[in-house]
Amino acid sequence: MKSAAPIQQQKLTKLCRDAKLLIEEEKYEECKRLISNAMGTFPHAPQPHNLMGILL
């Protein structure tokens, strides 16, 4: 059985990529929703919280 940690890391890596693209495209509200959802899904992961700080 596979560990959930690699899957979680892949999702967080994708989140970072997606957020960067949305910021570059100046789609700030969409990016904020994406990050907010990720903060709920991964409340203890630093990446969504750091991305929100960058976005703000």
C-alpha atoms as a PDB file:
ATOM      1  CA  MET A   1       0.000   0.000   0.000  1.00  0.00           C
ATOM      2  CA  LYS A   2       1.316   3.427  -0.949  1.00  0.00           C
ATOM      3  CA  SER A   3       1.834   6.150   1.592  1.00  0.00           C
ATOM      4  CA  ALA A   4      -0.372   9.242   1.376  1.00  0.00           C
ATOM      5  CA  ALA A   5       2.616  11.570   1.842  1.00  0.00           C
ATOM      6  CA  PRO A   6       3.886  11.405  -1.781  1.00  0.00           C
ATOM      7  CA  ILE A   7       0.370  12.002  -3.104  1.00  0.00           C
ATOM      8  CA  GLN A   8      -0.077  14.963  -0.771  1.00  0.00           C
ATOM      9  CA  GLN A   9       3.279  16.375  -1.871  1.00  0.00           C
ATOM     10  CA  GLN A  10       2.288  16.039  -5.529  1.00  0.00           C
ATOM     11  CA  LYS A  11      -0.943  17.929  -4.867  1.00  0.00           C
ATOM     12  CA  LEU A  12       0.913  20.687  -3.038  1.00  0.00           C
ATOM     13  CA  THR A  13       3.472  20.952  -5.844  1.00  0.00           C
ATOM     14  CA  LYS A  14       0.640  21.289  -8.364  1.00  0.00           C
ATOM     15  CA  LEU A  15      -0.985  23.920  -6.159  1.00  0.00           C
ATOM     16  CA  CYS A  16       2.209  25.986  -6.211  1.00  0.00           C
ATOM     17  CA  ARG A  17       2.451  25.714 -10.001  1.00  0.00           C
ATOM     18  CA  ASP A  18      -1.204  26.605 -10.503  1.00  0.00           C
ATOM     19  CA  ALA A  19      -1.057  29.552  -8.112  1.00  0.00           C
ATOM     20  CA  LYS A  20       2.043  30.927  -9.845  1.00  0.00           C
ATOM     21  CA  LEU A  21       0.323  30.746 -13.234  1.00  0.00           C
ATOM     22  CA  LEU A  22      -2.818  32.444 -11.922  1.00  0.00           C
ATOM     23  CA  ILE A  23      -0.756  35.250 -10.391  1.00  0.00           C
ATOM     24  CA  GLU A  24       1.160  35.711 -13.649  1.00  0.00           C
ATOM     25  CA  GLU A  25      -2.177  35.903 -15.492  1.00  0.00           C
ATOM     26  CA  GLU A  26      -3.431  38.414 -12.892  1.00  0.00           C
ATOM     27  CA  LYS A  27      -6.343  36.130 -11.947  1.00  0.00           C
ATOM     28  CA  TYR A  28      -6.111  37.076  -8.301  1.00  0.00           C
ATOM     29  CA  GLU A  29      -9.623  36.141  -7.143  1.00  0.00           C
ATOM     30  CA  GLU A  30      -9.393  32.702  -8.741  1.00  0.00           C
ATOM     31  CA  CYS A  31      -5.982  32.241  -7.141  1.00  0.00           C
ATOM     32  CA  LYS A  32      -7.345  33.278  -3.761  1.00  0.00           C
ATOM     33  CA  ARG A  33     -10.123  30.668  -4.016  1.00  0.00           C
ATOM     34  CA  LEU A  34      -7.624  27.982  -5.040  1.00  0.00           C
ATOM     35  CA  ILE A  35      -5.338  28.761  -2.121  1.00  0.00           C
ATOM     36  CA  SER A  36      -8.206  29.052   0.372  1.00  0.00           C
ATOM     37  CA  ASN A  37      -9.464  25.614  -0.626  1.00  0.00           C
ATOM     38  CA  ALA A  38      -5.961  24.205  -0.266  1.00  0.00           C
ATOM     39  CA  MET A  39      -5.655  25.735   3.201  1.00  0.00           C
ATOM     40  CA  GLY A  40      -8.788  23.828   4.192  1.00  0.00           C
ATOM     41  CA  THR A  41      -7.578  20.597   2.626  1.00  0.00           C
ATOM     42  CA  PHE A  42      -4.011  20.861   3.974  1.00  0.00           C
ATOM     43  CA  PRO A  43      -4.346  22.967   7.151  1.00  0.00           C
ATOM     44  CA  HIS A  44      -0.936  21.989   8.513  1.00  0.00           C
ATOM     45  CA  ALA A  45       1.033  22.376   5.278  1.00  0.00           C
ATOM     46  CA  PRO A  46       3.013  25.611   4.992  1.00  0.00           C
ATOM     47  CA  GLN A  47       2.720  25.967   1.211  1.00  0.00           C
ATOM     48  CA  PRO A  48      -0.871  27.256   0.994  1.00  0.00           C
ATOM     49  CA  HIS A  49      -0.268  29.697   3.838  1.00  0.00           C
ATOM     50  CA  ASN A  50       2.918  30.998   2.216  1.00  0.00           C
ATOM     51  CA  LEU A  51       1.157  31.344  -1.141  1.00  0.00           C
ATOM     52  CA  MET A  52      -1.626  33.366   0.479  1.00  0.00           C
ATOM     53  CA  GLY A  53       1.013  35.684   1.962  1.00  0.00           C
ATOM     54  CA  ILE A  54       2.596  36.123  -1.468  1.00  0.00           C
ATOM     55  CA  LEU A  55      -0.774  36.758  -3.077  1.00  0.00           C
ATOM     56  CA  LEU A  56      -1.765  39.354  -0.483  1.00  0.00           C
END
